[in-house]
């Protein structure tokens, strides 16, 4: 799994962050040391790719919880 996605899962577990698809989350720890938000978004092919990946992640998390 992509390291950024692992960090998003950890952030969700630790803090209950619900707006994971908001790119502003990439400005706070631990993402701020991984690169700029623009650099991180590029890893997903841009903002749309990032949002898609996060929505798929959220769907998978909620599916396992149900």
PDB file of N, CA and C in Angstrom:
ATOM      1  N   UNK A   1       0.843  -1.186   0.000  1.00  0.00           N
ATOM      2  CA  UNK A   1       0.000   0.000   0.000  1.00  0.00           C
ATOM      3  C   UNK A   1       0.883   1.242   0.000  1.00  0.00           C
ATOM      4  N   UNK A   2       0.448   2.210  -0.676  1.00  0.00           N
ATOM      5  CA  UNK A   2       1.139   3.487  -0.785  1.00  0.00           C
ATOM      6  C   UNK A   2       1.353   4.077   0.604  1.00  0.00           C
ATOM      7  N   UNK A   3       2.554   4.575   0.898  1.00  0.00           N
ATOM      8  CA  UNK A   3       2.886   5.128   2.215  1.00  0.00           C
ATOM      9  C   UNK A   3       1.956   6.271   2.612  1.00  0.00           C
ATOM     10  N   UNK A   4       1.574   7.095   1.651  1.00  0.00           N
ATOM     11  CA  UNK A   4       0.664   8.204   1.943  1.00  0.00           C
ATOM     12  C   UNK A   4      -0.688   7.672   2.410  1.00  0.00           C
ATOM     13  N   UNK A   5      -1.158   6.619   1.784  1.00  0.00           N
ATOM     14  CA  UNK A   5      -2.443   6.035   2.189  1.00  0.00           C
ATOM     15  C   UNK A   5      -2.329   5.435   3.587  1.00  0.00           C
ATOM     16  N   UNK A   6      -1.205   4.827   3.891  1.00  0.00           N
ATOM     17  CA  UNK A   6      -0.994   4.286   5.240  1.00  0.00           C
ATOM     18  C   UNK A   6      -1.053   5.399   6.279  1.00  0.00           C
ATOM     19  N   UNK A   7      -0.451   6.527   5.958  1.00  0.00           N
ATOM     20  CA  UNK A   7      -0.475   7.668   6.877  1.00  0.00           C
ATOM     21  C   UNK A   7      -1.887   8.234   7.024  1.00  0.00           C
ATOM     22  N   UNK A   8      -2.657   8.239   5.944  1.00  0.00           N
ATOM     23  CA  UNK A   8      -4.047   8.705   6.027  1.00  0.00           C
ATOM     24  C   UNK A   8      -4.863   7.791   6.926  1.00  0.00           C
ATOM     25  N   UNK A   9      -4.661   6.493   6.790  1.00  0.00           N
ATOM     26  CA  UNK A   9      -5.365   5.539   7.659  1.00  0.00           C
ATOM     27  C   UNK A   9      -4.986   5.787   9.114  1.00  0.00           C
ATOM     28  N   UNK A  10      -3.705   5.979   9.373  1.00  0.00           N
ATOM     29  CA  UNK A  10      -3.244   6.232  10.734  1.00  0.00           C
ATOM     30  C   UNK A  10      -3.858   7.510  11.285  1.00  0.00           C
ATOM     31  N   UNK A  11      -3.909   8.556  10.476  1.00  0.00           N
ATOM     32  CA  UNK A  11      -4.507   9.831  10.893  1.00  0.00           C
ATOM     33  C   UNK A  11      -5.983   9.627  11.230  1.00  0.00           C
ATOM     34  N   UNK A  12      -6.660   8.867  10.417  1.00  0.00           N
ATOM     35  CA  UNK A  12      -8.074   8.566  10.643  1.00  0.00           C
ATOM     36  C   UNK A  12      -8.252   7.811  11.958  1.00  0.00           C
ATOM     37  N   UNK A  13      -7.402   6.808  12.195  1.00  0.00           N
ATOM     38  CA  UNK A  13      -7.492   6.023  13.429  1.00  0.00           C
ATOM     39  C   UNK A  13      -7.184   6.864  14.659  1.00  0.00           C
ATOM     40  N   UNK A  14      -6.136   7.669  14.576  1.00  0.00           N
ATOM     41  CA  UNK A  14      -5.684   8.437  15.732  1.00  0.00           C
ATOM     42  C   UNK A  14      -6.582   9.609  16.077  1.00  0.00           C
ATOM     43  N   UNK A  15      -7.082  10.281  15.054  1.00  0.00           N
ATOM     44  CA  UNK A  15      -7.778  11.544  15.303  1.00  0.00           C
ATOM     45  C   UNK A  15      -9.222  11.565  14.827  1.00  0.00           C
ATOM     46  N   UNK A  16      -9.653  10.506  14.163  1.00  0.00           N
ATOM     47  CA  UNK A  16     -11.018  10.480  13.674  1.00  0.00           C
ATOM     48  C   UNK A  16     -11.279  11.506  12.589  1.00  0.00           C
ATOM     49  N   UNK A  17     -10.244  11.853  11.853  1.00  0.00           N
ATOM     50  CA  UNK A  17     -10.377  12.837  10.783  1.00  0.00           C
ATOM     51  C   UNK A  17     -11.358  12.307   9.755  1.00  0.00           C
ATOM     52  N   UNK A  18     -12.386  13.069   9.467  1.00  0.00           N
ATOM     53  CA  UNK A  18     -13.394  12.601   8.513  1.00  0.00           C
ATOM     54  C   UNK A  18     -13.241  13.219   7.140  1.00  0.00           C
ATOM     55  N   UNK A  19     -12.499  14.304   7.034  1.00  0.00           N
ATOM     56  CA  UNK A  19     -12.332  14.977   5.746  1.00  0.00           C
ATOM     57  C   UNK A  19     -11.006  14.580   5.108  1.00  0.00           C
ATOM     58  N   UNK A  20     -10.794  13.295   4.985  1.00  0.00           N
ATOM     59  CA  UNK A  20      -9.535  12.812   4.435  1.00  0.00           C
ATOM     60  C   UNK A  20      -9.325  13.240   2.995  1.00  0.00           C
ATOM     61  N   UNK A  21     -10.402  13.495   2.277  1.00  0.00           N
ATOM     62  CA  UNK A  21     -10.260  13.867   0.869  1.00  0.00           C
ATOM     63  C   UNK A  21      -9.989  15.357   0.669  1.00  0.00           C
ATOM     64  N   UNK A  22      -9.915  16.109   1.760  1.00  0.00           N
ATOM     65  CA  UNK A  22      -9.594  17.528   1.674  1.00  0.00           C
ATOM     66  C   UNK A  22      -8.074  17.661   1.576  1.00  0.00           C
ATOM     67  N   UNK A  23      -7.562  18.159   0.461  1.00  0.00           N
ATOM     68  CA  UNK A  23      -6.116  18.264   0.296  1.00  0.00           C
ATOM     69  C   UNK A  23      -5.410  19.090   1.370  1.00  0.00           C
ATOM     70  N   UNK A  24      -6.151  19.906   2.101  1.00  0.00           N
ATOM     71  CA  UNK A  24      -5.524  20.691   3.175  1.00  0.00           C
ATOM     72  C   UNK A  24      -4.940  19.794   4.260  1.00  0.00           C
ATOM     73  N   UNK A  25      -5.423  18.558   4.350  1.00  0.00           N
ATOM     74  CA  UNK A  25      -4.871  17.627   5.330  1.00  0.00           C
ATOM     75  C   UNK A  25      -3.397  17.354   5.052  1.00  0.00           C
ATOM     76  N   UNK A  26      -2.981  17.569   3.815  1.00  0.00           N
ATOM     77  CA  UNK A  26      -1.598  17.309   3.430  1.00  0.00           C
ATOM     78  C   UNK A  26      -0.638  18.380   3.944  1.00  0.00           C
ATOM     79  N   UNK A  27      -1.172  19.392   4.604  1.00  0.00           N
ATOM     80  CA  UNK A  27      -0.343  20.465   5.165  1.00  0.00           C
ATOM     81  C   UNK A  27       0.046  20.218   6.610  1.00  0.00           C
ATOM     82  N   UNK A  28      -0.520  19.187   7.237  1.00  0.00           N
ATOM     83  CA  UNK A  28      -0.263  18.921   8.650  1.00  0.00           C
ATOM     84  C   UNK A  28       0.539  17.631   8.806  1.00  0.00           C
ATOM     85  N   UNK A  29       1.104  17.457  10.003  1.00  0.00           N
ATOM     86  CA  UNK A  29       1.883  16.258  10.299  1.00  0.00           C
ATOM     87  C   UNK A  29       1.010  15.015  10.136  1.00  0.00           C
ATOM     88  N   UNK A  30       1.519  13.957   9.625  1.00  0.00           N
ATOM     89  CA  UNK A  30       2.897  13.694   9.218  1.00  0.00           C
ATOM     90  C   UNK A  30       3.171  14.030   7.753  1.00  0.00           C
ATOM     91  N   UNK A  31       2.170  14.550   7.061  1.00  0.00           N
ATOM     92  CA  UNK A  31       2.297  14.767   5.617  1.00  0.00           C
ATOM     93  C   UNK A  31       3.213  15.933   5.277  1.00  0.00           C
ATOM     94  N   UNK A  32       3.307  16.905   6.170  1.00  0.00           N
ATOM     95  CA  UNK A  32       4.099  18.096   5.886  1.00  0.00           C
ATOM     96  C   UNK A  32       5.579  17.795   5.687  1.00  0.00           C
ATOM     97  N   UNK A  33       6.059  16.692   6.225  1.00  0.00           N
ATOM     98  CA  UNK A  33       7.469  16.329   6.045  1.00  0.00           C
ATOM     99  C   UNK A  33       7.669  15.387   4.858  1.00  0.00           C
ATOM    100  N   UNK A  34       6.572  14.969   4.244  1.00  0.00           N
ATOM    101  CA  UNK A  34       6.644  14.045   3.112  1.00  0.00           C
ATOM    102  C   UNK A  34       6.741  14.786   1.782  1.00  0.00           C
ATOM    103  N   UNK A  35       6.473  16.077   1.799  1.00  0.00           N
ATOM    104  CA  UNK A  35       6.500  16.890   0.587  1.00  0.00           C
ATOM    105  C   UNK A  35       5.422  17.948   0.663  1.00  0.00           C
ATOM    106  N   UNK A  36       5.403  18.812  -0.329  1.00  0.00           N
ATOM    107  CA  UNK A  36       4.364  19.837  -0.373  1.00  0.00           C
ATOM    108  C   UNK A  36       3.048  19.172  -0.790  1.00  0.00           C
ATOM    109  N   UNK A  37       1.920  19.811  -0.500  1.00  0.00           N
ATOM    110  CA  UNK A  37       0.651  19.236  -0.950  1.00  0.00           C
ATOM    111  C   UNK A  37       0.629  18.972  -2.455  1.00  0.00           C
ATOM    112  N   UNK A  38       1.195  19.870  -3.236  1.00  0.00           N
ATOM    113  CA  UNK A  38       1.219  19.687  -4.692  1.00  0.00           C
ATOM    114  C   UNK A  38       2.033  18.452  -5.057  1.00  0.00           C
ATOM    115  N   UNK A  39       3.182  18.282  -4.427  1.00  0.00           N
ATOM    116  CA  UNK A  39       4.017  17.107  -4.694  1.00  0.00           C
ATOM    117  C   UNK A  39       3.282  15.820  -4.328  1.00  0.00           C
ATOM    118  N   UNK A  40       2.601  15.847  -3.199  1.00  0.00           N
ATOM    119  CA  UNK A  40       1.880  14.655  -2.749  1.00  0.00           C
ATOM    120  C   UNK A  40       0.700  14.348  -3.663  1.00  0.00           C
ATOM    121  N   UNK A  41      -0.010  15.390  -4.086  1.00  0.00           N
ATOM    122  CA  UNK A  41      -1.138  15.177  -4.990  1.00  0.00           C
ATOM    123  C   UNK A  41      -0.676  14.599  -6.328  1.00  0.00           C
ATOM    124  N   UNK A  42       0.495  15.002  -6.774  1.00  0.00           N
ATOM    125  CA  UNK A  42       1.028  14.486  -8.036  1.00  0.00           C
ATOM    126  C   UNK A  42       1.226  12.971  -7.992  1.00  0.00           C
ATOM    127  N   UNK A  43       1.494  12.439  -6.812  1.00  0.00           N
ATOM    128  CA  UNK A  43       1.668  10.994  -6.665  1.00  0.00           C
ATOM    129  C   UNK A  43       0.387  10.230  -7.010  1.00  0.00           C
ATOM    130  N   UNK A  44      -0.729  10.922  -6.977  1.00  0.00           N
ATOM    131  CA  UNK A  44      -2.024  10.315  -7.289  1.00  0.00           C
ATOM    132  C   UNK A  44      -2.550  10.757  -8.650  1.00  0.00           C
ATOM    133  N   UNK A  45      -1.744  11.495  -9.374  1.00  0.00           N
ATOM    134  CA  UNK A  45      -2.186  11.996 -10.666  1.00  0.00           C
ATOM    135  C   UNK A  45      -3.006  13.261 -10.554  1.00  0.00           C
ATOM    136  N   UNK A  46      -2.877  13.974  -9.447  1.00  0.00           N
ATOM    137  CA  UNK A  46      -3.600  15.220  -9.241  1.00  0.00           C
ATOM    138  C   UNK A  46      -4.685  15.088  -8.181  1.00  0.00           C
ATOM    139  N   UNK A  47      -5.407  16.197  -7.999  1.00  0.00           N
ATOM    140  CA  UNK A  47      -6.432  16.246  -6.944  1.00  0.00           C
ATOM    141  C   UNK A  47      -7.531  15.212  -7.163  1.00  0.00           C
ATOM    142  N   UNK A  48      -7.994  15.061  -8.396  1.00  0.00           N
ATOM    143  CA  UNK A  48      -9.072  14.089  -8.675  1.00  0.00           C
ATOM    144  C   UNK A  48      -8.626  12.670  -8.332  1.00  0.00           C
ATOM    145  N   UNK A  49      -7.392  12.339  -8.686  1.00  0.00           N
ATOM    146  CA  UNK A  49      -6.861  11.013  -8.365  1.00  0.00           C
ATOM    147  C   UNK A  49      -6.740  10.795  -6.871  1.00  0.00           C
ATOM    148  N   UNK A  50      -6.338  11.842  -6.150  1.00  0.00           N
ATOM    149  CA  UNK A  50      -6.246  11.776  -4.697  1.00  0.00           C
ATOM    150  C   UNK A  50      -7.626  11.553  -4.088  1.00  0.00           C
ATOM    151  N   UNK A  51      -8.607  12.346  -4.522  1.00  0.00           N
ATOM    152  CA  UNK A  51      -9.963  12.208  -3.998  1.00  0.00           C
ATOM    153  C   UNK A  51     -10.520  10.815  -4.280  1.00  0.00           C
ATOM    154  N   UNK A  52     -10.266  10.311  -5.472  1.00  0.00           N
ATOM    155  CA  UNK A  52     -10.743   8.970  -5.834  1.00  0.00           C
ATOM    156  C   UNK A  52     -10.110   7.912  -4.927  1.00  0.00           C
ATOM    157  N   UNK A  53      -8.809   8.018  -4.713  1.00  0.00           N
ATOM    158  CA  UNK A  53      -8.107   7.051  -3.869  1.00  0.00           C
ATOM    159  C   UNK A  53      -8.631   7.095  -2.435  1.00  0.00           C
ATOM    160  N   UNK A  54      -8.872   8.291  -1.924  1.00  0.00           N
ATOM    161  CA  UNK A  54      -9.380   8.419  -0.555  1.00  0.00           C
ATOM    162  C   UNK A  54     -10.803   7.872  -0.450  1.00  0.00           C
ATOM    163  N   UNK A  55     -11.639   8.137  -1.432  1.00  0.00           N
ATOM    164  CA  UNK A  55     -13.005   7.609  -1.393  1.00  0.00           C
ATOM    165  C   UNK A  55     -12.998   6.085  -1.446  1.00  0.00           C
ATOM    166  N   UNK A  56     -12.111   5.522  -2.244  1.00  0.00           N
ATOM    167  CA  UNK A  56     -11.993   4.062  -2.297  1.00  0.00           C
ATOM    168  C   UNK A  56     -11.510   3.519  -0.959  1.00  0.00           C
ATOM    169  N   UNK A  57     -10.580   4.222  -0.325  1.00  0.00           N
ATOM    170  CA  UNK A  57     -10.080   3.835   0.983  1.00  0.00           C
ATOM    171  C   UNK A  57     -11.200   3.888   2.011  1.00  0.00           C
ATOM    172  N   UNK A  58     -11.967   4.966   2.020  1.00  0.00           N
ATOM    173  CA  UNK A  58     -13.073   5.100   2.974  1.00  0.00           C
ATOM    174  C   UNK A  58     -14.112   4.006   2.746  1.00  0.00           C
ATOM    175  N   UNK A  59     -14.418   3.717   1.502  1.00  0.00           N
ATOM    176  CA  UNK A  59     -15.384   2.658   1.202  1.00  0.00           C
ATOM    177  C   UNK A  59     -14.898   1.323   1.741  1.00  0.00           C
ATOM    178  N   UNK A  60     -13.614   1.035   1.547  1.00  0.00           N
ATOM    179  CA  UNK A  60     -13.045  -0.221   2.027  1.00  0.00           C
ATOM    180  C   UNK A  60     -13.075  -0.284   3.550  1.00  0.00           C
ATOM    181  N   UNK A  61     -12.767   0.835   4.217  1.00  0.00           N
ATOM    182  CA  UNK A  61     -12.784   0.858   5.671  1.00  0.00           C
ATOM    183  C   UNK A  61     -14.193   0.619   6.215  1.00  0.00           C
ATOM    184  N   UNK A  62     -15.179   1.299   5.629  1.00  0.00           N
ATOM    185  CA  UNK A  62     -16.550   1.163   6.115  1.00  0.00           C
ATOM    186  C   UNK A  62     -17.138  -0.199   5.756  1.00  0.00           C
ATOM    187  N   UNK A  63     -16.720  -0.751   4.635  1.00  0.00           N
ATOM    188  CA  UNK A  63     -17.188  -2.080   4.235  1.00  0.00           C
ATOM    189  C   UNK A  63     -16.714  -3.120   5.244  1.00  0.00           C
ATOM    190  N   UNK A  64     -15.471  -3.003   5.681  1.00  0.00           N
ATOM    191  CA  UNK A  64     -14.924  -3.954   6.659  1.00  0.00           C
ATOM    192  C   UNK A  64     -15.577  -3.777   8.020  1.00  0.00           C
ATOM    193  N   UNK A  65     -16.009  -2.565   8.341  1.00  0.00           N
ATOM    194  CA  UNK A  65     -16.634  -2.290   9.622  1.00  0.00           C
ATOM    195  C   UNK A  65     -18.074  -2.791   9.675  1.00  0.00           C
ATOM    196  N   UNK A  66     -18.701  -2.922   8.528  1.00  0.00           N
ATOM    197  CA  UNK A  66     -20.112  -3.324   8.495  1.00  0.00           C
ATOM    198  C   UNK A  66     -20.288  -4.811   8.688  1.00  0.00           C
TER     199      UNK A  66
END
